[in-house]
């Protein structure tokens, strides 16, 4: 024999709320578990003449940054040293700041003038300017007019 249960919209909303609460809590557990997984933050801009990459690399010395160009692909690599307190005998309660080797690779669709590439690092920000080659830049084609003599 089947039992009838009266529909209660409040109970349905509470079930949905509980599902959201569980999903949100599980999401934060995942973030905490992956605290050491770090992706190099990067902004990429483009106009007709140039690509510009801006990467945040606070605490990294310029000698620890490497930029490579190969087969229409730019790779930015950096190494953030792990900092340890100067005082010995301290117990670690939490380490959240990323350290280690990080890289980011971006494939570009247009050829680059590799002779004019510029990388500037100031105040923890790397700005990489990649001028497009002359073949990749837009061109205006002049239209000639021919007047026929009748």
C-alpha atoms as a PDB file:
ATOM      1  CA  UNK A   1       0.000   0.000   0.000  1.00  0.00           C
ATOM      2  CA  UNK A   2       1.333   3.418  -0.973  1.00  0.00           C
ATOM      3  CA  UNK A   3       1.571   6.207   1.522  1.00  0.00           C
ATOM      4  CA  UNK A   4       0.599   9.675   0.432  1.00  0.00           C
ATOM      5  CA  UNK A   5       2.749  12.542   1.604  1.00  0.00           C
ATOM      6  CA  UNK A   6       1.344  16.010   1.457  1.00  0.00           C
ATOM      7  CA  UNK A   7       3.468  18.377  -0.644  1.00  0.00           C
ATOM      8  CA  UNK A   8       5.200  20.964   1.482  1.00  0.00           C
ATOM      9  CA  UNK A   9       7.051  23.732  -0.418  1.00  0.00           C
ATOM     10  CA  UNK A  10       9.020  24.695   2.701  1.00  0.00           C
ATOM     11  CA  UNK A  11      10.409  21.155   2.996  1.00  0.00           C
ATOM     12  CA  UNK A  12      11.402  21.258  -0.694  1.00  0.00           C
ATOM     13  CA  UNK A  13      13.179  24.613  -0.239  1.00  0.00           C
ATOM     14  CA  UNK A  14      15.000  23.293   2.836  1.00  0.00           C
ATOM     15  CA  UNK A  15      16.186  20.260   0.856  1.00  0.00           C
ATOM     16  CA  UNK A  16      17.556  22.565  -1.848  1.00  0.00           C
ATOM     17  CA  UNK A  17      19.192  24.763   0.799  1.00  0.00           C
ATOM     18  CA  UNK A  18      20.858  21.717   2.358  1.00  0.00           C
ATOM     19  CA  UNK A  19      22.150  20.604  -1.048  1.00  0.00           C
ATOM     20  CA  UNK A  20      23.659  24.080  -1.631  1.00  0.00           C
ATOM     21  CA  UNK A  21      25.217  24.073   1.839  1.00  0.00           C
ATOM     22  CA  UNK A  22      26.866  20.698   1.203  1.00  0.00           C
ATOM     23  CA  UNK A  23      28.144  21.773  -2.227  1.00  0.00           C
ATOM     24  CA  UNK A  24      29.552  25.015  -0.817  1.00  0.00           C
ATOM     25  CA  UNK A  25      31.281  23.227   2.082  1.00  0.00           C
ATOM     26  CA  UNK A  26      32.753  20.612  -0.278  1.00  0.00           C
ATOM     27  CA  UNK A  27      34.006  23.380  -2.570  1.00  0.00           C
ATOM     28  CA  UNK A  28      35.907  25.067   0.255  1.00  0.00           C
ATOM     29  CA  UNK A  29      37.447  21.751   1.300  1.00  0.00           C
ATOM     30  CA  UNK A  30      38.739  21.371  -2.255  1.00  0.00           C
ATOM     31  CA  UNK A  31      40.205  24.888  -2.234  1.00  0.00           C
ATOM     32  CA  UNK A  32      41.995  24.220   1.048  1.00  0.00           C
ATOM     33  CA  UNK A  33      43.278  20.858  -0.197  1.00  0.00           C
ATOM     34  CA  UNK A  34      44.715  22.537  -3.308  1.00  0.00           C
ATOM     35  CA  UNK A  35      46.250  25.507  -1.490  1.00  0.00           C
ATOM     36  CA  UNK A  36      49.688  24.586  -2.857  1.00  0.00           C
ATOM     37  CA  UNK A  37      48.434  24.353  -6.457  1.00  0.00           C
ATOM     38  CA  UNK A  38      49.262  27.749  -7.933  1.00  0.00           C
ATOM     39  CA  UNK A  39      48.625  29.114 -11.374  1.00  0.00           C
ATOM     40  CA  UNK A  40      50.635  32.072 -12.531  1.00  0.00           C
ATOM     41  CA  UNK A  41      48.104  34.934 -12.845  1.00  0.00           C
ATOM     42  CA  UNK A  42      48.283  36.492 -16.300  1.00  0.00           C
ATOM     43  CA  UNK A  43      46.498  39.242 -18.238  1.00  0.00           C
ATOM     44  CA  UNK A  44      46.794  39.204 -22.054  1.00  0.00           C
ATOM     45  CA  UNK A  45      45.988  42.195 -24.268  1.00  0.00           C
ATOM     46  CA  UNK A  46      46.160  42.619 -28.033  1.00  0.00           C
ATOM     47  CA  UNK A  47      45.836  45.314 -30.652  1.00  0.00           C
ATOM     48  CA  UNK A  48      46.782  45.405 -34.356  1.00  0.00           C
ATOM     49  CA  UNK A  49      50.511  45.822 -33.655  1.00  0.00           C
ATOM     50  CA  UNK A  50      51.319  44.046 -30.386  1.00  0.00           C
ATOM     51  CA  UNK A  51      50.441  41.460 -27.737  1.00  0.00           C
ATOM     52  CA  UNK A  52      50.993  42.546 -24.129  1.00  0.00           C
ATOM     53  CA  UNK A  53      51.232  40.087 -21.246  1.00  0.00           C
ATOM     54  CA  UNK A  54      51.122  41.248 -17.622  1.00  0.00           C
ATOM     55  CA  UNK A  55      52.007  38.734 -14.900  1.00  0.00           C
ATOM     56  CA  UNK A  56      51.962  39.243 -11.137  1.00  0.00           C
ATOM     57  CA  UNK A  57      55.133  37.823  -9.609  1.00  0.00           C
ATOM     58  CA  UNK A  58      55.478  39.394  -6.170  1.00  0.00           C
ATOM     59  CA  UNK A  59      58.572  38.416  -4.227  1.00  0.00           C
ATOM     60  CA  UNK A  60      60.370  37.017  -7.262  1.00  0.00           C
ATOM     61  CA  UNK A  61      63.734  38.395  -8.310  1.00  0.00           C
ATOM     62  CA  UNK A  62      64.232  39.200 -11.995  1.00  0.00           C
ATOM     63  CA  UNK A  63      67.000  36.569 -12.052  1.00  0.00           C
ATOM     64  CA  UNK A  64      64.363  33.921 -11.214  1.00  0.00           C
ATOM     65  CA  UNK A  65      62.127  34.764 -14.205  1.00  0.00           C
ATOM     66  CA  UNK A  66      62.584  33.179 -17.620  1.00  0.00           C
ATOM     67  CA  UNK A  67      60.618  33.953 -20.797  1.00  0.00           C
ATOM     68  CA  UNK A  68      60.842  31.593 -23.782  1.00  0.00           C
ATOM     69  CA  UNK A  69      59.448  31.828 -27.311  1.00  0.00           C
ATOM     70  CA  UNK A  70      59.188  28.703 -29.467  1.00  0.00           C
ATOM     71  CA  UNK A  71      56.774  27.660 -32.251  1.00  0.00           C
ATOM     72  CA  UNK A  72      54.318  30.551 -31.711  1.00  0.00           C
ATOM     73  CA  UNK A  73      54.203  29.764 -27.980  1.00  0.00           C
ATOM     74  CA  UNK A  74      55.266  32.000 -25.101  1.00  0.00           C
ATOM     75  CA  UNK A  75      56.261  30.393 -21.803  1.00  0.00           C
ATOM     76  CA  UNK A  76      56.823  32.410 -18.647  1.00  0.00           C
ATOM     77  CA  UNK A  77      58.605  30.527 -15.866  1.00  0.00           C
ATOM     78  CA  UNK A  78      59.349  31.771 -12.371  1.00  0.00           C
ATOM     79  CA  UNK A  79      60.685  30.351  -9.164  1.00  0.00           C
ATOM     80  CA  UNK A  80      59.446  31.641  -5.834  1.00  0.00           C
ATOM     81  CA  UNK A  81      61.776  30.600  -3.042  1.00  0.00           C
ATOM     82  CA  UNK A  82      60.169  29.210   0.094  1.00  0.00           C
ATOM     83  CA  UNK A  83      60.712  31.662   2.877  1.00  0.00           C
ATOM     84  CA  UNK A  84      61.564  30.375   6.314  1.00  0.00           C
ATOM     85  CA  UNK A  85      61.538  32.449   9.469  1.00  0.00           C
ATOM     86  CA  UNK A  86      64.935  33.621  10.674  1.00  0.00           C
ATOM     87  CA  UNK A  87      64.299  32.295  14.176  1.00  0.00           C
ATOM     88  CA  UNK A  88      64.956  28.590  14.683  1.00  0.00           C
ATOM     89  CA  UNK A  89      62.676  26.484  16.829  1.00  0.00           C
ATOM     90  CA  UNK A  90      59.421  27.997  15.567  1.00  0.00           C
ATOM     91  CA  UNK A  91      56.536  25.610  14.932  1.00  0.00           C
ATOM     92  CA  UNK A  92      54.651  26.084  11.698  1.00  0.00           C
ATOM     93  CA  UNK A  93      50.904  26.539  12.076  1.00  0.00           C
ATOM     94  CA  UNK A  94      50.049  27.499   8.528  1.00  0.00           C
ATOM     95  CA  UNK A  95      51.858  28.008   5.189  1.00  0.00           C
ATOM     96  CA  UNK A  96      49.627  29.571   2.517  1.00  0.00           C
ATOM     97  CA  UNK A  97      51.995  31.626   0.407  1.00  0.00           C
ATOM     98  CA  UNK A  98      52.942  29.748  -2.759  1.00  0.00           C
ATOM     99  CA  UNK A  99      56.534  28.743  -3.385  1.00  0.00           C
ATOM    100  CA  UNK A 100      58.292  26.630  -5.967  1.00  0.00           C
ATOM    101  CA  UNK A 101      58.506  26.682  -9.750  1.00  0.00           C
ATOM    102  CA  UNK A 102      55.565  28.037 -11.708  1.00  0.00           C
ATOM    103  CA  UNK A 103      54.989  28.426 -15.425  1.00  0.00           C
ATOM    104  CA  UNK A 104      52.365  29.581 -17.864  1.00  0.00           C
ATOM    105  CA  UNK A 105      52.306  28.801 -21.582  1.00  0.00           C
ATOM    106  CA  UNK A 106      50.182  30.661 -24.127  1.00  0.00           C
ATOM    107  CA  UNK A 107      49.913  29.854 -27.833  1.00  0.00           C
ATOM    108  CA  UNK A 108      49.612  32.906 -30.098  1.00  0.00           C
ATOM    109  CA  UNK A 109      47.815  32.795 -33.418  1.00  0.00           C
ATOM    110  CA  UNK A 110      49.919  35.431 -35.193  1.00  0.00           C
ATOM    111  CA  UNK A 111      53.699  35.501 -35.821  1.00  0.00           C
ATOM    112  CA  UNK A 112      55.864  37.695 -33.593  1.00  0.00           C
ATOM    113  CA  UNK A 113      58.817  39.944 -34.400  1.00  0.00           C
ATOM    114  CA  UNK A 114      61.219  38.203 -32.006  1.00  0.00           C
ATOM    115  CA  UNK A 115      63.896  40.884 -32.463  1.00  0.00           C
ATOM    116  CA  UNK A 116      61.656  43.530 -30.845  1.00  0.00           C
ATOM    117  CA  UNK A 117      60.276  41.565 -27.864  1.00  0.00           C
ATOM    118  CA  UNK A 118      60.646  43.427 -24.568  1.00  0.00           C
ATOM    119  CA  UNK A 119      60.295  42.155 -20.981  1.00  0.00           C
ATOM    120  CA  UNK A 120      60.189  44.644 -18.084  1.00  0.00           C
ATOM    121  CA  UNK A 121      59.937  43.605 -14.424  1.00  0.00           C
ATOM    122  CA  UNK A 122      59.089  46.283 -11.850  1.00  0.00           C
ATOM    123  CA  UNK A 123      57.378  46.209  -8.448  1.00  0.00           C
ATOM    124  CA  UNK A 124      56.483  42.523  -8.710  1.00  0.00           C
ATOM    125  CA  UNK A 125      54.841  42.852 -12.137  1.00  0.00           C
ATOM    126  CA  UNK A 126      56.282  41.439 -15.372  1.00  0.00           C
ATOM    127  CA  UNK A 127      55.170  43.229 -18.544  1.00  0.00           C
ATOM    128  CA  UNK A 128      55.991  41.373 -21.738  1.00  0.00           C
ATOM    129  CA  UNK A 129      55.540  43.199 -25.044  1.00  0.00           C
ATOM    130  CA  UNK A 130      55.437  41.012 -28.164  1.00  0.00           C
ATOM    131  CA  UNK A 131      55.209  43.038 -31.399  1.00  0.00           C
ATOM    132  CA  UNK A 132      53.474  41.238 -34.236  1.00  0.00           C
ATOM    133  CA  UNK A 133      55.511  40.681 -37.380  1.00  0.00           C
ATOM    134  CA  UNK A 134      54.824  42.892 -40.379  1.00  0.00           C
ATOM    135  CA  UNK A 135      53.045  39.999 -42.133  1.00  0.00           C
ATOM    136  CA  UNK A 136      50.612  39.654 -39.222  1.00  0.00           C
ATOM    137  CA  UNK A 137      49.606  43.316 -39.100  1.00  0.00           C
ATOM    138  CA  UNK A 138      46.568  44.511 -41.046  1.00  0.00           C
ATOM    139  CA  UNK A 139      47.218  46.231 -44.329  1.00  0.00           C
ATOM    140  CA  UNK A 140      45.250  48.766 -46.314  1.00  0.00           C
ATOM    141  CA  UNK A 141      45.204  47.953 -50.011  1.00  0.00           C
ATOM    142  CA  UNK A 142      44.832  51.010 -52.228  1.00  0.00           C
ATOM    143  CA  UNK A 143      42.188  50.821 -54.918  1.00  0.00           C
ATOM    144  CA  UNK A 144      43.061  52.273 -58.315  1.00  0.00           C
ATOM    145  CA  UNK A 145      40.489  53.694 -60.608  1.00  0.00           C
ATOM    146  CA  UNK A 146      40.647  53.292 -64.334  1.00  0.00           C
ATOM    147  CA  UNK A 147      38.640  55.649 -66.463  1.00  0.00           C
ATOM    148  CA  UNK A 148      37.722  54.327 -69.859  1.00  0.00           C
ATOM    149  CA  UNK A 149      37.793  56.808 -72.733  1.00  0.00           C
ATOM    150  CA  UNK A 150      34.681  56.665 -74.934  1.00  0.00           C
END
